[in-house]
Amino acid sequence: MSINKRRLEITREVMIQNIVSLDLILEKFKVSERTIRNDLIQINKYLKKTSNSEVYIKNRFLLCENIGIFSDKLKGINLNNYILDNDERITLSIYFLLLANDYMTTNHLSDILMVSQSSIFNDIDFIKNDIDRYNLNLETSPGKGLLIRGEETDIRSLFYDIIDTKYYLIRILENTNHREPLIVSYLDTKNYIYEIIGEVEHKHSIIFSEDSFNILYNYLVYTLYRIRNNRSISSLS
């Protein structure tokens, strides 16, 4: 059983909308109906292990019973059963470099992402191009590794964009590397923020949507995480 980006996006759309046109799915992913049907086999193998949900096709629509909450379906997905594409691998490399407060070796990064060190080396130019759009630079130092440098506001902008558009990847990473010191430190901060948002919702009788909660949650977590590591907006990185 393996999950990839397309299969995860199909699952998310069906979980959120409950019913999705098969023709729209075919158009969106530019693949054959046979490919989608094979995707559903893999999706349902995963869902049967983690829940009572199942995605099926009826009258050329994708439907799901017991849809639940999509984030709950992410709990069992990790880098052992998820296939990263090149863009996702680059995104997670940037994410970890943004969490780090010092140089990170390519060997450490490859171990975390469960990919070869040569893959990380091949990604360096792509990482540089991606962060350049945020006026950030990637320092490479023999024996020390990689380090993202730039203004704190630019660093946070890049991080917020990642958690806004690639939140599912962060969950997959956390499921895989729960003992990695960087993630342990970050998760400690997340638990603190989770309780605060819960108190605010209770006090003001409001409930954030799943997506809104995740964006606000991670925004506040990273802000506090950076402050705790002496990275304030008023200072240079």
C-alpha atoms as a PDB file:
ATOM      1  CA  MET A   1       0.000   0.000   0.000  1.00  0.00           C
ATOM      2  CA  SER A   2       1.374   3.410  -0.967  1.00  0.00           C
ATOM      3  CA  ILE A   3      -0.023   6.929  -0.981  1.00  0.00           C
ATOM      4  CA  ASN A   4       1.157   9.758  -3.194  1.00  0.00           C
ATOM      5  CA  LYS A   5       0.154  13.371  -3.728  1.00  0.00           C
ATOM      6  CA  ARG A   6      -2.612  12.626  -6.244  1.00  0.00           C
ATOM      7  CA  ARG A   7      -4.172   9.934  -4.076  1.00  0.00           C
ATOM      8  CA  LEU A   8      -4.042  12.175  -1.026  1.00  0.00           C
ATOM      9  CA  GLU A   9      -5.659  15.071  -2.901  1.00  0.00           C
ATOM     10  CA  ILE A  10      -8.435  12.779  -4.152  1.00  0.00           C
ATOM     11  CA  THR A  11      -9.064  11.594  -0.597  1.00  0.00           C
ATOM     12  CA  ARG A  12      -9.115  15.156   0.714  1.00  0.00           C
ATOM     13  CA  GLU A  13     -11.584  16.384  -1.906  1.00  0.00           C
ATOM     14  CA  VAL A  14     -13.983  13.512  -1.280  1.00  0.00           C
ATOM     15  CA  MET A  15     -13.669  13.835   2.504  1.00  0.00           C
ATOM     16  CA  ILE A  16     -14.464  17.546   2.391  1.00  0.00           C
ATOM     17  CA  GLN A  17     -17.138  17.577  -0.338  1.00  0.00           C
ATOM     18  CA  ASN A  18     -18.573  14.079   0.207  1.00  0.00           C
ATOM     19  CA  ILE A  19     -19.328  13.798  -3.521  1.00  0.00           C
ATOM     20  CA  VAL A  20     -16.996  14.702  -6.392  1.00  0.00           C
ATOM     21  CA  SER A  21     -17.466  14.326 -10.138  1.00  0.00           C
ATOM     22  CA  LEU A  22     -15.244  11.633 -11.631  1.00  0.00           C
ATOM     23  CA  ASP A  23     -14.961  13.681 -14.831  1.00  0.00           C
ATOM     24  CA  LEU A  24     -13.661  16.672 -12.855  1.00  0.00           C
ATOM     25  CA  ILE A  25     -11.074  14.448 -11.183  1.00  0.00           C
ATOM     26  CA  LEU A  26      -9.954  13.108 -14.569  1.00  0.00           C
ATOM     27  CA  GLU A  27      -9.641  16.636 -15.918  1.00  0.00           C
ATOM     28  CA  LYS A  28      -7.792  17.932 -12.865  1.00  0.00           C
ATOM     29  CA  PHE A  29      -5.111  15.239 -12.800  1.00  0.00           C
ATOM     30  CA  LYS A  30      -4.915  14.570 -16.559  1.00  0.00           C
ATOM     31  CA  VAL A  31      -4.930  10.797 -16.111  1.00  0.00           C
ATOM     32  CA  SER A  32      -7.072   7.920 -17.346  1.00  0.00           C
ATOM     33  CA  GLU A  33     -10.117   6.535 -15.578  1.00  0.00           C
ATOM     34  CA  ARG A  34      -8.217   3.287 -15.098  1.00  0.00           C
ATOM     35  CA  THR A  35      -5.508   5.198 -13.192  1.00  0.00           C
ATOM     36  CA  ILE A  36      -8.110   6.752 -10.871  1.00  0.00           C
ATOM     37  CA  ARG A  37      -9.731   3.376 -10.270  1.00  0.00           C
ATOM     38  CA  ASN A  38      -6.321   1.931  -9.385  1.00  0.00           C
ATOM     39  CA  ASP A  39      -5.758   4.917  -7.081  1.00  0.00           C
ATOM     40  CA  LEU A  40      -9.009   4.094  -5.278  1.00  0.00           C
ATOM     41  CA  ILE A  41      -7.781   0.550  -4.648  1.00  0.00           C
ATOM     42  CA  GLN A  42      -4.696   1.934  -2.871  1.00  0.00           C
ATOM     43  CA  ILE A  43      -6.691   4.643  -1.075  1.00  0.00           C
ATOM     44  CA  ASN A  44      -9.176   2.093   0.273  1.00  0.00           C
ATOM     45  CA  LYS A  45      -6.408  -0.267   1.385  1.00  0.00           C
ATOM     46  CA  TYR A  46      -5.139   2.584   3.524  1.00  0.00           C
ATOM     47  CA  LEU A  47      -8.579   3.702   4.752  1.00  0.00           C
ATOM     48  CA  LYS A  48      -9.564   0.179   5.767  1.00  0.00           C
ATOM     49  CA  LYS A  49      -6.525   0.049   8.045  1.00  0.00           C
ATOM     50  CA  THR A  50      -7.236   3.392   9.692  1.00  0.00           C
ATOM     51  CA  SER A  51     -11.040   3.823   9.633  1.00  0.00           C
ATOM     52  CA  ASN A  52     -14.339   2.456   8.399  1.00  0.00           C
ATOM     53  CA  SER A  53     -14.305   4.835   5.446  1.00  0.00           C
ATOM     54  CA  GLU A  54     -14.233   3.828   1.793  1.00  0.00           C
ATOM     55  CA  VAL A  55     -14.200   5.861  -1.422  1.00  0.00           C
ATOM     56  CA  TYR A  56     -16.226   4.416  -4.270  1.00  0.00           C
ATOM     57  CA  ILE A  57     -17.615   5.395  -7.677  1.00  0.00           C
ATOM     58  CA  LYS A  58     -21.346   5.572  -8.333  1.00  0.00           C
ATOM     59  CA  ASN A  59     -22.965   7.115 -11.408  1.00  0.00           C
ATOM     60  CA  ARG A  60     -19.586   8.683 -12.291  1.00  0.00           C
ATOM     61  CA  PHE A  61     -19.229  10.379  -8.941  1.00  0.00           C
ATOM     62  CA  LEU A  62     -16.708   9.661  -6.183  1.00  0.00           C
ATOM     63  CA  LEU A  63     -18.375   9.264  -2.810  1.00  0.00           C
ATOM     64  CA  CYS A  64     -17.346   8.356   0.696  1.00  0.00           C
ATOM     65  CA  GLU A  65     -19.264   6.957   3.639  1.00  0.00           C
ATOM     66  CA  ASN A  66     -18.204   7.851   7.180  1.00  0.00           C
ATOM     67  CA  ILE A  67     -16.222  10.826   5.911  1.00  0.00           C
ATOM     68  CA  GLY A  68     -15.137  12.081   9.350  1.00  0.00           C
ATOM     69  CA  ILE A  69     -12.382  14.670   9.557  1.00  0.00           C
ATOM     70  CA  PHE A  70      -9.702  14.644   6.897  1.00  0.00           C
ATOM     71  CA  SER A  71      -6.864  15.400   9.334  1.00  0.00           C
ATOM     72  CA  ASP A  72      -7.734  12.196  11.206  1.00  0.00           C
ATOM     73  CA  LYS A  73      -7.001  10.246   8.022  1.00  0.00           C
ATOM     74  CA  LEU A  74      -3.476  11.701   7.980  1.00  0.00           C
ATOM     75  CA  LYS A  75      -2.497  10.107  11.271  1.00  0.00           C
ATOM     76  CA  GLY A  76      -1.296   6.853   9.769  1.00  0.00           C
ATOM     77  CA  ILE A  77       0.503   8.328   6.777  1.00  0.00           C
ATOM     78  CA  ASN A  78       4.264   8.721   7.109  1.00  0.00           C
ATOM     79  CA  LEU A  79       7.320   8.660   4.887  1.00  0.00           C
ATOM     80  CA  ASN A  80       7.373   4.875   5.073  1.00  0.00           C
ATOM     81  CA  ASN A  81       4.139   4.622   3.079  1.00  0.00           C
ATOM     82  CA  TYR A  82       4.021   7.965   1.275  1.00  0.00           C
ATOM     83  CA  ILE A  83       5.824   8.584  -2.027  1.00  0.00           C
ATOM     84  CA  LEU A  84       7.312  12.096  -2.142  1.00  0.00           C
ATOM     85  CA  ASP A  85       7.553  13.747  -5.525  1.00  0.00           C
ATOM     86  CA  ASN A  86      10.473  16.082  -6.275  1.00  0.00           C
ATOM     87  CA  ASP A  87       8.591  19.257  -5.339  1.00  0.00           C
ATOM     88  CA  GLU A  88       7.435  17.777  -2.047  1.00  0.00           C
ATOM     89  CA  ARG A  89      10.961  16.660  -1.166  1.00  0.00           C
ATOM     90  CA  ILE A  90      12.271  20.173  -1.864  1.00  0.00           C
ATOM     91  CA  THR A  91       9.470  21.728   0.209  1.00  0.00           C
ATOM     92  CA  LEU A  92      10.241  19.510   3.198  1.00  0.00           C
ATOM     93  CA  SER A  93      13.958  20.248   2.894  1.00  0.00           C
ATOM     94  CA  ILE A  94      13.187  23.969   3.064  1.00  0.00           C
ATOM     95  CA  TYR A  95      10.792  23.398   5.956  1.00  0.00           C
ATOM     96  CA  PHE A  96      13.464  21.665   8.019  1.00  0.00           C
ATOM     97  CA  LEU A  97      16.096  24.260   7.188  1.00  0.00           C
ATOM     98  CA  LEU A  98      13.649  26.904   8.435  1.00  0.00           C
ATOM     99  CA  LEU A  99      13.182  25.009  11.708  1.00  0.00           C
ATOM    100  CA  ALA A 100      16.916  24.710  12.237  1.00  0.00           C
ATOM    101  CA  ASN A 101      18.739  27.507  14.041  1.00  0.00           C
ATOM    102  CA  ASP A 102      22.123  26.521  12.655  1.00  0.00           C
ATOM    103  CA  TYR A 103      23.665  24.682   9.737  1.00  0.00           C
ATOM    104  CA  MET A 104      22.144  21.299   8.874  1.00  0.00           C
ATOM    105  CA  THR A 105      24.243  18.680   7.123  1.00  0.00           C
ATOM    106  CA  THR A 106      22.977  17.057   3.946  1.00  0.00           C
ATOM    107  CA  ASN A 107      23.453  13.696   5.656  1.00  0.00           C
ATOM    108  CA  HIS A 108      21.145  14.699   8.508  1.00  0.00           C
ATOM    109  CA  LEU A 109      18.581  16.063   6.076  1.00  0.00           C
ATOM    110  CA  SER A 110      18.632  12.910   3.948  1.00  0.00           C
ATOM    111  CA  ASP A 111      18.162  10.748   7.069  1.00  0.00           C
ATOM    112  CA  ILE A 112      15.158  12.796   8.180  1.00  0.00           C
ATOM    113  CA  LEU A 113      13.473  12.665   4.779  1.00  0.00           C
ATOM    114  CA  MET A 114      14.472   9.047   4.162  1.00  0.00           C
ATOM    115  CA  VAL A 115      16.047   9.818   0.787  1.00  0.00           C
ATOM    116  CA  SER A 116      19.569   9.487  -0.583  1.00  0.00           C
ATOM    117  CA  GLN A 117      22.161  12.155   0.126  1.00  0.00           C
ATOM    118  CA  SER A 118      22.641  12.551  -3.638  1.00  0.00           C
ATOM    119  CA  SER A 119      18.956  13.556  -3.912  1.00  0.00           C
ATOM    120  CA  ILE A 120      19.568  16.383  -1.445  1.00  0.00           C
ATOM    121  CA  PHE A 121      22.658  17.506  -3.371  1.00  0.00           C
ATOM    122  CA  ASN A 122      20.640  17.517  -6.597  1.00  0.00           C
ATOM    123  CA  ASP A 123      17.943  19.622  -4.906  1.00  0.00           C
ATOM    124  CA  ILE A 124      20.254  22.406  -3.735  1.00  0.00           C
ATOM    125  CA  ASP A 125      19.848  24.596  -6.831  1.00  0.00           C
ATOM    126  CA  PHE A 126      16.076  24.154  -6.719  1.00  0.00           C
ATOM    127  CA  ILE A 127      16.048  25.109  -3.032  1.00  0.00           C
ATOM    128  CA  LYS A 128      18.059  28.226  -3.840  1.00  0.00           C
ATOM    129  CA  ASN A 129      15.617  29.198  -6.598  1.00  0.00           C
ATOM    130  CA  ASP A 130      12.562  28.649  -4.388  1.00  0.00           C
ATOM    131  CA  ILE A 131      13.816  30.696  -1.449  1.00  0.00           C
ATOM    132  CA  ASP A 132      15.213  33.409  -3.721  1.00  0.00           C
ATOM    133  CA  ARG A 133      11.610  34.464  -4.394  1.00  0.00           C
ATOM    134  CA  TYR A 134      11.482  35.442  -0.704  1.00  0.00           C
ATOM    135  CA  ASN A 135      14.798  37.332  -0.833  1.00  0.00           C
ATOM    136  CA  LEU A 136      16.485  34.548   1.115  1.00  0.00           C
ATOM    137  CA  ASN A 137      19.866  32.936   0.502  1.00  0.00           C
ATOM    138  CA  LEU A 138      21.067  29.376   0.993  1.00  0.00           C
ATOM    139  CA  GLU A 139      24.546  29.180   2.477  1.00  0.00           C
ATOM    140  CA  THR A 140      26.496  26.006   1.766  1.00  0.00           C
ATOM    141  CA  SER A 141      29.538  25.314   3.886  1.00  0.00           C
ATOM    142  CA  PRO A 142      31.777  22.216   3.530  1.00  0.00           C
ATOM    143  CA  GLY A 143      31.654  20.190   6.709  1.00  0.00           C
ATOM    144  CA  LYS A 144      28.874  22.326   8.194  1.00  0.00           C
ATOM    145  CA  GLY A 145      25.994  21.918   5.762  1.00  0.00           C
ATOM    146  CA  LEU A 146      23.150  24.194   4.672  1.00  0.00           C
ATOM    147  CA  LEU A 147      21.701  27.327   6.268  1.00  0.00           C
ATOM    148  CA  ILE A 148      18.954  29.706   5.119  1.00  0.00           C
ATOM    149  CA  ARG A 149      19.787  33.361   5.773  1.00  0.00           C
ATOM    150  CA  GLY A 150      17.746  36.516   5.362  1.00  0.00           C
ATOM    151  CA  GLU A 151      15.391  38.939   7.077  1.00  0.00           C
ATOM    152  CA  GLU A 152      13.201  37.398   9.778  1.00  0.00           C
ATOM    153  CA  THR A 153      10.049  38.736   8.093  1.00  0.00           C
ATOM    154  CA  ASP A 154      11.010  36.954   4.849  1.00  0.00           C
ATOM    155  CA  ILE A 155      11.816  33.724   6.676  1.00  0.00           C
ATOM    156  CA  ARG A 156       8.413  33.755   8.363  1.00  0.00           C
ATOM    157  CA  SER A 157       6.626  34.599   5.099  1.00  0.00           C
ATOM    158  CA  LEU A 158       8.144  31.541   3.448  1.00  0.00           C
ATOM    159  CA  PHE A 159       7.304  29.313   6.395  1.00  0.00           C
ATOM    160  CA  TYR A 160       3.700  30.540   6.532  1.00  0.00           C
ATOM    161  CA  ASP A 161       3.258  29.892   2.817  1.00  0.00           C
ATOM    162  CA  ILE A 162       4.474  26.320   3.294  1.00  0.00           C
ATOM    163  CA  ILE A 163       2.071  25.567   6.134  1.00  0.00           C
ATOM    164  CA  ASP A 164      -0.740  27.305   4.234  1.00  0.00           C
ATOM    165  CA  THR A 165      -0.338  25.263   1.035  1.00  0.00           C
ATOM    166  CA  LYS A 166       1.458  22.091   2.173  1.00  0.00           C
ATOM    167  CA  TYR A 167       0.066  21.401   5.631  1.00  0.00           C
ATOM    168  CA  TYR A 168      -0.502  17.737   4.795  1.00  0.00           C
ATOM    169  CA  LEU A 169       3.266  17.316   4.272  1.00  0.00           C
ATOM    170  CA  ILE A 170       3.993  18.675   7.725  1.00  0.00           C
ATOM    171  CA  ARG A 171       1.649  16.117   9.272  1.00  0.00           C
ATOM    172  CA  ILE A 172       3.296  13.299   7.313  1.00  0.00           C
ATOM    173  CA  LEU A 173       6.720  14.467   8.446  1.00  0.00           C
ATOM    174  CA  GLU A 174       5.674  14.683  12.098  1.00  0.00           C
ATOM    175  CA  ASN A 175       4.172  11.193  11.935  1.00  0.00           C
ATOM    176  CA  THR A 176       7.515   9.855  10.694  1.00  0.00           C
ATOM    177  CA  ASN A 177      10.118  11.693  12.767  1.00  0.00           C
ATOM    178  CA  HIS A 178       8.480  12.112  16.156  1.00  0.00           C
ATOM    179  CA  ARG A 179      11.844  11.541  17.900  1.00  0.00           C
ATOM    180  CA  GLU A 180      13.845  13.991  15.795  1.00  0.00           C
ATOM    181  CA  PRO A 181      14.977  16.729  18.263  1.00  0.00           C
ATOM    182  CA  LEU A 182      13.878  19.587  15.990  1.00  0.00           C
ATOM    183  CA  ILE A 183      10.387  18.139  15.694  1.00  0.00           C
ATOM    184  CA  VAL A 184      10.196  17.301  19.412  1.00  0.00           C
ATOM    185  CA  SER A 185      10.983  20.931  20.257  1.00  0.00           C
ATOM    186  CA  TYR A 186       8.494  22.199  17.701  1.00  0.00           C
ATOM    187  CA  LEU A 187       5.739  19.824  18.874  1.00  0.00           C
ATOM    188  CA  ASP A 188       6.191  21.018  22.454  1.00  0.00           C
ATOM    189  CA  THR A 189       5.376  24.507  21.245  1.00  0.00           C
ATOM    190  CA  LYS A 190       2.414  23.203  19.240  1.00  0.00           C
ATOM    191  CA  ASN A 191       0.848  21.560  22.299  1.00  0.00           C
ATOM    192  CA  TYR A 192       1.014  24.865  24.168  1.00  0.00           C
ATOM    193  CA  ILE A 193      -0.663  26.804  21.345  1.00  0.00           C
ATOM    194  CA  TYR A 194      -3.297  24.093  20.841  1.00  0.00           C
ATOM    195  CA  GLU A 195      -4.542  24.578  24.392  1.00  0.00           C
ATOM    196  CA  ILE A 196      -4.668  28.373  24.005  1.00  0.00           C
ATOM    197  CA  ILE A 197      -6.750  28.252  20.803  1.00  0.00           C
ATOM    198  CA  GLY A 198      -9.073  25.727  22.434  1.00  0.00           C
ATOM    199  CA  GLU A 199      -9.630  28.099  25.365  1.00  0.00           C
ATOM    200  CA  VAL A 200     -10.374  30.993  22.984  1.00  0.00           C
ATOM    201  CA  GLU A 201     -12.914  28.899  21.049  1.00  0.00           C
ATOM    202  CA  HIS A 202     -14.611  27.876  24.283  1.00  0.00           C
ATOM    203  CA  LYS A 203     -14.620  31.374  25.782  1.00  0.00           C
ATOM    204  CA  HIS A 204     -16.090  33.050  22.695  1.00  0.00           C
ATOM    205  CA  SER A 205     -18.287  30.123  21.581  1.00  0.00           C
ATOM    206  CA  ILE A 206     -16.644  29.851  18.175  1.00  0.00           C
ATOM    207  CA  ILE A 207     -15.344  26.879  16.234  1.00  0.00           C
ATOM    208  CA  PHE A 208     -12.735  27.328  13.531  1.00  0.00           C
ATOM    209  CA  SER A 209     -13.000  25.256  10.371  1.00  0.00           C
ATOM    210  CA  GLU A 210     -10.344  22.567  10.077  1.00  0.00           C
ATOM    211  CA  ASP A 211      -8.319  24.513   7.508  1.00  0.00           C
ATOM    212  CA  SER A 212      -8.633  27.828   9.382  1.00  0.00           C
ATOM    213  CA  PHE A 213      -7.614  26.190  12.633  1.00  0.00           C
ATOM    214  CA  ASN A 214      -4.541  24.579  11.080  1.00  0.00           C
ATOM    215  CA  ILE A 215      -3.361  27.824   9.464  1.00  0.00           C
ATOM    216  CA  LEU A 216      -3.821  29.915  12.635  1.00  0.00           C
ATOM    217  CA  TYR A 217      -2.385  27.132  14.772  1.00  0.00           C
ATOM    218  CA  ASN A 218       0.820  26.768  12.765  1.00  0.00           C
ATOM    219  CA  TYR A 219       1.186  30.530  12.291  1.00  0.00           C
ATOM    220  CA  LEU A 220       1.209  31.082  16.061  1.00  0.00           C
ATOM    221  CA  VAL A 221       3.390  28.043  16.715  1.00  0.00           C
ATOM    222  CA  TYR A 222       6.152  29.148  14.369  1.00  0.00           C
ATOM    223  CA  THR A 223       6.022  32.722  15.667  1.00  0.00           C
ATOM    224  CA  LEU A 224       6.474  31.516  19.246  1.00  0.00           C
ATOM    225  CA  TYR A 225       9.085  28.974  18.157  1.00  0.00           C
ATOM    226  CA  ARG A 226      11.176  31.687  16.501  1.00  0.00           C
ATOM    227  CA  ILE A 227      10.839  34.015  19.481  1.00  0.00           C
ATOM    228  CA  ARG A 228      11.949  31.252  21.849  1.00  0.00           C
ATOM    229  CA  ASN A 229      15.024  30.803  19.654  1.00  0.00           C
ATOM    230  CA  ASN A 230      15.842  34.519  19.834  1.00  0.00           C
ATOM    231  CA  ARG A 231      14.610  35.272  16.299  1.00  0.00           C
ATOM    232  CA  SER A 232      12.512  38.428  16.545  1.00  0.00           C
ATOM    233  CA  ILE A 233      11.082  40.557  13.747  1.00  0.00           C
ATOM    234  CA  SER A 234      13.141  43.550  14.817  1.00  0.00           C
ATOM    235  CA  SER A 235      16.453  41.714  14.370  1.00  0.00           C
ATOM    236  CA  LEU A 236      18.263  40.286  11.377  1.00  0.00           C
ATOM    237  CA  SER A 237      18.548  36.502  10.973  1.00  0.00           C
END
